[in-house]
Amino acid sequence: MNITFATKELLKLANEPPMANRKLGTKRVRLFHRRLQDMMAASCFEDLKYLPGNYHQLSANRKDQWACDLDQPYRLVFMPGEDSIPKDLHGKQLLREIRIVEILEITNYHKEH
């Protein structure tokens, strides 16, 4: 799949390991890069659910977003990167048709509550 980034900072974290290590720490950066490699190797968004890292769809105010584990309690948050997310007649996302992932943030979203 193709990967896009919501911010220039996330793009830099993905492409500049020394800077990423300073900002996030070695363990989180290693997991972040592993997750990105796994996403790139996936053929479609549906495949992400079967990768290591506890890929899961979020709910409530993050209902169109997904997350996977980095180092606890941090998550990599992303969503389908298609301009128009394909859906079936019941409004369910057709994950097999999605070929772009947009990385939104690295965060501990549990602290928001």
N, C-alpha and C. Protein backbone atom coordinates (compact mmCIF):
# COMPACT_ATOMS: atom_id res chain seq x y z
N MET A 1 0.84 -1.19 0.00
CA MET A 1 0.00 0.00 0.00
C MET A 1 0.88 1.24 0.00
N ASN A 2 0.29 2.33 -0.40
CA ASN A 2 0.95 3.62 -0.34
C ASN A 2 0.67 4.27 1.02
N ILE A 3 1.64 5.03 1.51
CA ILE A 3 1.49 5.70 2.80
C ILE A 3 1.68 7.19 2.59
N THR A 4 0.76 7.96 3.17
CA THR A 4 0.90 9.42 3.21
C THR A 4 0.93 9.84 4.67
N PHE A 5 1.34 11.07 4.91
CA PHE A 5 1.48 11.58 6.27
C PHE A 5 0.70 12.87 6.41
N ALA A 6 -0.01 13.00 7.53
CA ALA A 6 -0.84 14.18 7.77
C ALA A 6 -0.01 15.44 8.01
N THR A 7 1.22 15.27 8.50
CA THR A 7 2.08 16.43 8.78
C THR A 7 3.49 16.20 8.26
N LYS A 8 4.19 17.30 8.06
CA LYS A 8 5.59 17.22 7.65
C LYS A 8 6.45 16.60 8.76
N GLU A 9 6.08 16.84 10.01
CA GLU A 9 6.84 16.27 11.13
C GLU A 9 6.77 14.75 11.11
N LEU A 10 5.60 14.18 10.85
CA LEU A 10 5.49 12.72 10.77
C LEU A 10 6.32 12.16 9.61
N LEU A 11 6.33 12.86 8.50
CA LEU A 11 7.15 12.45 7.37
C LEU A 11 8.62 12.45 7.75
N LYS A 12 9.06 13.48 8.47
CA LYS A 12 10.45 13.53 8.93
C LYS A 12 10.75 12.40 9.91
N LEU A 13 9.82 12.09 10.81
CA LEU A 13 10.03 10.99 11.76
C LEU A 13 10.20 9.67 11.02
N ALA A 14 9.51 9.53 9.90
CA ALA A 14 9.60 8.31 9.11
C ALA A 14 10.90 8.23 8.32
N ASN A 15 11.43 9.38 7.92
CA ASN A 15 12.57 9.39 7.00
C ASN A 15 13.89 9.85 7.59
N GLU A 16 13.88 10.36 8.80
CA GLU A 16 15.11 10.84 9.43
C GLU A 16 15.30 10.17 10.79
N PRO A 17 15.85 8.93 10.78
CA PRO A 17 15.99 8.17 12.03
C PRO A 17 16.72 8.89 13.17
N PRO A 18 17.81 9.61 12.93
CA PRO A 18 18.46 10.28 14.07
C PRO A 18 17.54 11.30 14.76
N MET A 19 16.82 12.08 13.98
CA MET A 19 15.89 13.05 14.55
C MET A 19 14.74 12.32 15.27
N ALA A 20 14.24 11.25 14.65
CA ALA A 20 13.16 10.48 15.25
C ALA A 20 13.61 9.87 16.58
N ASN A 21 14.82 9.35 16.65
CA ASN A 21 15.33 8.77 17.90
C ASN A 21 15.39 9.80 19.01
N ARG A 22 15.79 11.02 18.67
CA ARG A 22 15.86 12.08 19.68
C ARG A 22 14.46 12.44 20.19
N LYS A 23 13.49 12.49 19.30
CA LYS A 23 12.14 12.92 19.69
C LYS A 23 11.30 11.82 20.34
N LEU A 24 11.45 10.59 19.86
CA LEU A 24 10.56 9.52 20.29
C LEU A 24 11.23 8.43 21.11
N GLY A 25 12.54 8.33 21.00
CA GLY A 25 13.24 7.24 21.67
C GLY A 25 13.42 6.04 20.73
N THR A 26 14.46 5.29 20.97
CA THR A 26 14.84 4.20 20.08
C THR A 26 13.76 3.13 19.94
N LYS A 27 13.16 2.71 21.04
CA LYS A 27 12.17 1.64 20.99
C LYS A 27 10.94 2.04 20.18
N ARG A 28 10.41 3.23 20.43
CA ARG A 28 9.21 3.68 19.71
C ARG A 28 9.50 3.86 18.23
N VAL A 29 10.67 4.40 17.90
CA VAL A 29 11.04 4.60 16.49
C VAL A 29 11.17 3.25 15.79
N ARG A 30 11.77 2.27 16.45
CA ARG A 30 11.92 0.94 15.85
C ARG A 30 10.55 0.34 15.54
N LEU A 31 9.62 0.44 16.48
CA LEU A 31 8.27 -0.08 16.26
C LEU A 31 7.52 0.72 15.19
N PHE A 32 7.68 2.04 15.20
CA PHE A 32 7.05 2.91 14.20
C PHE A 32 7.50 2.49 12.80
N HIS A 33 8.81 2.32 12.61
CA HIS A 33 9.33 1.94 11.30
C HIS A 33 8.89 0.53 10.91
N ARG A 34 8.80 -0.37 11.87
CA ARG A 34 8.32 -1.73 11.58
C ARG A 34 6.86 -1.68 11.11
N ARG A 35 6.04 -0.87 11.80
CA ARG A 35 4.63 -0.76 11.39
C ARG A 35 4.51 -0.17 9.98
N LEU A 36 5.33 0.83 9.68
CA LEU A 36 5.30 1.42 8.33
C LEU A 36 5.70 0.39 7.28
N GLN A 37 6.72 -0.39 7.55
CA GLN A 37 7.14 -1.44 6.60
C GLN A 37 6.03 -2.46 6.39
N ASP A 38 5.38 -2.86 7.49
CA ASP A 38 4.27 -3.80 7.38
C ASP A 38 3.13 -3.22 6.53
N MET A 39 2.82 -1.95 6.75
CA MET A 39 1.75 -1.31 5.98
C MET A 39 2.10 -1.26 4.50
N MET A 40 3.35 -0.92 4.19
CA MET A 40 3.76 -0.84 2.78
C MET A 40 3.67 -2.21 2.11
N ALA A 41 3.94 -3.27 2.86
CA ALA A 41 3.91 -4.62 2.30
C ALA A 41 2.49 -5.16 2.12
N ALA A 42 1.52 -4.59 2.82
CA ALA A 42 0.14 -5.05 2.71
C ALA A 42 -0.42 -4.70 1.33
N SER A 43 -1.28 -5.56 0.81
CA SER A 43 -1.84 -5.28 -0.51
C SER A 43 -3.07 -4.38 -0.44
N CYS A 44 -3.77 -4.40 0.70
CA CYS A 44 -4.93 -3.54 0.88
C CYS A 44 -5.15 -3.30 2.37
N PHE A 45 -6.02 -2.38 2.70
CA PHE A 45 -6.29 -1.99 4.08
C PHE A 45 -6.80 -3.17 4.91
N GLU A 46 -7.57 -4.05 4.29
CA GLU A 46 -8.09 -5.24 4.98
C GLU A 46 -6.97 -6.08 5.59
N ASP A 47 -5.84 -6.17 4.90
CA ASP A 47 -4.71 -6.98 5.37
C ASP A 47 -4.14 -6.49 6.70
N LEU A 48 -4.32 -5.23 7.02
CA LEU A 48 -3.75 -4.67 8.25
C LEU A 48 -4.29 -5.37 9.49
N LYS A 49 -5.52 -5.82 9.46
CA LYS A 49 -6.14 -6.45 10.63
C LYS A 49 -5.41 -7.73 11.04
N TYR A 50 -4.63 -8.30 10.13
CA TYR A 50 -3.98 -9.58 10.40
C TYR A 50 -2.49 -9.44 10.72
N LEU A 51 -2.01 -8.22 10.78
CA LEU A 51 -0.60 -7.97 11.09
C LEU A 51 -0.36 -7.94 12.59
N PRO A 52 0.87 -8.24 13.03
CA PRO A 52 1.18 -8.07 14.45
C PRO A 52 1.11 -6.59 14.82
N GLY A 53 0.68 -6.28 16.02
CA GLY A 53 0.61 -4.90 16.46
C GLY A 53 -0.78 -4.48 16.88
N ASN A 54 -1.73 -5.42 16.90
CA ASN A 54 -3.08 -5.12 17.38
C ASN A 54 -3.73 -3.98 16.58
N TYR A 55 -3.81 -4.13 15.28
CA TYR A 55 -4.48 -3.14 14.42
C TYR A 55 -5.97 -3.20 14.68
N HIS A 56 -6.58 -2.05 14.97
CA HIS A 56 -8.00 -2.04 15.30
C HIS A 56 -8.63 -0.69 14.96
N GLN A 57 -9.92 -0.74 14.65
CA GLN A 57 -10.67 0.47 14.35
C GLN A 57 -11.07 1.13 15.66
N LEU A 58 -11.02 2.45 15.67
CA LEU A 58 -11.39 3.22 16.87
C LEU A 58 -12.87 3.56 16.81
N SER A 59 -13.37 4.18 17.88
CA SER A 59 -14.80 4.48 17.95
C SER A 59 -15.02 5.91 18.44
N ALA A 60 -16.26 6.25 18.65
CA ALA A 60 -16.70 7.57 19.14
C ALA A 60 -16.19 8.66 18.20
N ASN A 61 -15.49 9.67 18.74
CA ASN A 61 -15.05 10.79 17.92
C ASN A 61 -13.89 10.42 16.98
N ARG A 62 -13.41 9.19 17.06
CA ARG A 62 -12.34 8.71 16.19
C ARG A 62 -12.83 7.55 15.31
N LYS A 63 -14.11 7.49 15.01
CA LYS A 63 -14.71 6.31 14.38
C LYS A 63 -14.15 5.95 13.01
N ASP A 64 -13.64 6.87 12.24
CA ASP A 64 -13.05 6.54 10.94
C ASP A 64 -11.55 6.28 11.02
N GLN A 65 -11.02 6.35 12.22
CA GLN A 65 -9.59 6.14 12.43
C GLN A 65 -9.29 4.74 12.92
N TRP A 66 -8.05 4.35 12.74
CA TRP A 66 -7.55 3.06 13.18
C TRP A 66 -6.29 3.31 13.99
N ALA A 67 -5.86 2.30 14.74
CA ALA A 67 -4.63 2.41 15.52
C ALA A 67 -3.94 1.06 15.59
N CYS A 68 -2.65 1.12 15.88
CA CYS A 68 -1.89 -0.09 16.19
C CYS A 68 -0.92 0.27 17.30
N ASP A 69 -0.46 -0.75 18.01
CA ASP A 69 0.41 -0.53 19.16
C ASP A 69 1.82 -0.15 18.75
N LEU A 70 2.38 0.78 19.52
CA LEU A 70 3.81 1.03 19.52
C LEU A 70 4.27 0.57 20.90
N ASP A 71 5.06 1.38 21.61
CA ASP A 71 5.38 1.02 22.99
C ASP A 71 4.28 1.57 23.88
N GLN A 72 3.84 0.79 24.83
CA GLN A 72 2.71 1.18 25.69
C GLN A 72 3.00 2.47 26.43
N PRO A 73 2.09 3.39 26.48
CA PRO A 73 0.71 3.36 26.00
C PRO A 73 0.53 4.01 24.63
N TYR A 74 1.61 4.16 23.87
CA TYR A 74 1.54 4.92 22.61
C TYR A 74 1.03 4.07 21.46
N ARG A 75 0.27 4.74 20.59
CA ARG A 75 -0.32 4.12 19.40
C ARG A 75 0.02 4.95 18.17
N LEU A 76 0.07 4.25 17.06
CA LEU A 76 0.16 4.89 15.76
C LEU A 76 -1.26 4.98 15.23
N VAL A 77 -1.75 6.20 15.00
CA VAL A 77 -3.13 6.42 14.56
C VAL A 77 -3.10 6.75 13.07
N PHE A 78 -4.00 6.11 12.32
CA PHE A 78 -4.04 6.28 10.86
C PHE A 78 -5.47 6.09 10.38
N MET A 79 -5.67 6.34 9.10
CA MET A 79 -6.99 6.14 8.51
C MET A 79 -6.83 5.85 7.03
N PRO A 80 -7.87 5.36 6.40
CA PRO A 80 -7.79 5.18 4.95
C PRO A 80 -7.46 6.52 4.30
N GLY A 81 -6.55 6.50 3.35
CA GLY A 81 -6.10 7.74 2.72
C GLY A 81 -6.80 8.06 1.42
N GLU A 82 -7.82 7.33 1.10
CA GLU A 82 -8.56 7.59 -0.14
C GLU A 82 -9.36 8.88 0.01
N ASP A 83 -9.50 9.62 -1.08
CA ASP A 83 -10.31 10.84 -1.03
C ASP A 83 -11.76 10.51 -0.68
N SER A 84 -12.25 9.44 -1.25
CA SER A 84 -13.60 8.99 -0.96
C SER A 84 -13.49 7.52 -0.54
N ILE A 85 -13.76 7.24 0.71
CA ILE A 85 -13.64 5.88 1.22
C ILE A 85 -14.79 5.05 0.68
N PRO A 86 -14.48 3.97 -0.06
CA PRO A 86 -15.56 3.15 -0.61
C PRO A 86 -16.36 2.46 0.50
N LYS A 87 -17.69 2.48 0.36
CA LYS A 87 -18.57 1.88 1.37
C LYS A 87 -19.63 1.04 0.68
N ASP A 88 -20.14 0.05 1.41
CA ASP A 88 -21.22 -0.76 0.87
C ASP A 88 -22.57 -0.06 1.10
N LEU A 89 -23.65 -0.74 0.77
CA LEU A 89 -24.98 -0.14 0.90
C LEU A 89 -25.37 0.19 2.33
N HIS A 90 -24.70 -0.45 3.31
CA HIS A 90 -24.99 -0.22 4.73
C HIS A 90 -24.04 0.79 5.37
N GLY A 91 -23.15 1.38 4.56
CA GLY A 91 -22.21 2.37 5.07
C GLY A 91 -20.92 1.80 5.64
N LYS A 92 -20.74 0.49 5.54
CA LYS A 92 -19.51 -0.14 6.04
C LYS A 92 -18.38 0.07 5.04
N GLN A 93 -17.20 0.42 5.57
CA GLN A 93 -16.04 0.65 4.70
C GLN A 93 -15.65 -0.65 3.99
N LEU A 94 -15.36 -0.55 2.71
CA LEU A 94 -14.89 -1.69 1.92
C LEU A 94 -13.36 -1.69 1.97
N LEU A 95 -12.82 -2.31 3.01
CA LEU A 95 -11.39 -2.24 3.29
C LEU A 95 -10.54 -2.90 2.21
N ARG A 96 -11.08 -3.88 1.50
CA ARG A 96 -10.32 -4.54 0.43
C ARG A 96 -10.03 -3.62 -0.75
N GLU A 97 -10.80 -2.56 -0.87
CA GLU A 97 -10.63 -1.63 -2.00
C GLU A 97 -9.74 -0.44 -1.67
N ILE A 98 -9.29 -0.34 -0.43
CA ILE A 98 -8.49 0.81 0.00
C ILE A 98 -7.01 0.47 -0.15
N ARG A 99 -6.27 1.33 -0.85
CA ARG A 99 -4.85 1.09 -1.13
C ARG A 99 -3.92 2.18 -0.59
N ILE A 100 -4.48 3.13 0.16
CA ILE A 100 -3.68 4.24 0.71
C ILE A 100 -3.97 4.37 2.19
N VAL A 101 -2.91 4.52 2.98
CA VAL A 101 -3.02 4.75 4.41
C VAL A 101 -2.46 6.14 4.70
N GLU A 102 -3.18 6.93 5.50
CA GLU A 102 -2.66 8.22 5.93
C GLU A 102 -2.33 8.14 7.41
N ILE A 103 -1.07 8.40 7.74
CA ILE A 103 -0.62 8.39 9.13
C ILE A 103 -1.02 9.73 9.75
N LEU A 104 -1.77 9.68 10.85
CA LEU A 104 -2.29 10.89 11.48
C LEU A 104 -1.47 11.37 12.65
N GLU A 105 -1.05 10.44 13.53
CA GLU A 105 -0.32 10.85 14.71
C GLU A 105 0.24 9.66 15.46
N ILE A 106 1.18 9.95 16.33
CA ILE A 106 1.67 9.02 17.33
C ILE A 106 1.25 9.62 18.66
N THR A 107 0.44 8.89 19.42
CA THR A 107 -0.15 9.49 20.62
C THR A 107 -0.55 8.44 21.64
N ASN A 108 -0.81 8.92 22.84
CA ASN A 108 -1.46 8.14 23.88
C ASN A 108 -2.89 8.68 23.95
N TYR A 109 -3.79 8.17 23.13
CA TYR A 109 -5.14 8.72 23.09
C TYR A 109 -5.96 8.36 24.31
N HIS A 110 -5.52 7.41 25.12
CA HIS A 110 -6.26 7.06 26.33
C HIS A 110 -6.21 8.17 27.39
N LYS A 111 -5.18 8.99 27.35
CA LYS A 111 -5.08 10.09 28.32
C LYS A 111 -6.07 11.21 28.03
N GLU A 112 -6.72 11.17 26.84
CA GLU A 112 -7.69 12.20 26.47
C GLU A 112 -8.96 12.11 27.30
N HIS A 113 -9.23 10.96 27.90
CA HIS A 113 -10.49 10.76 28.63
C HIS A 113 -10.37 11.14 30.08
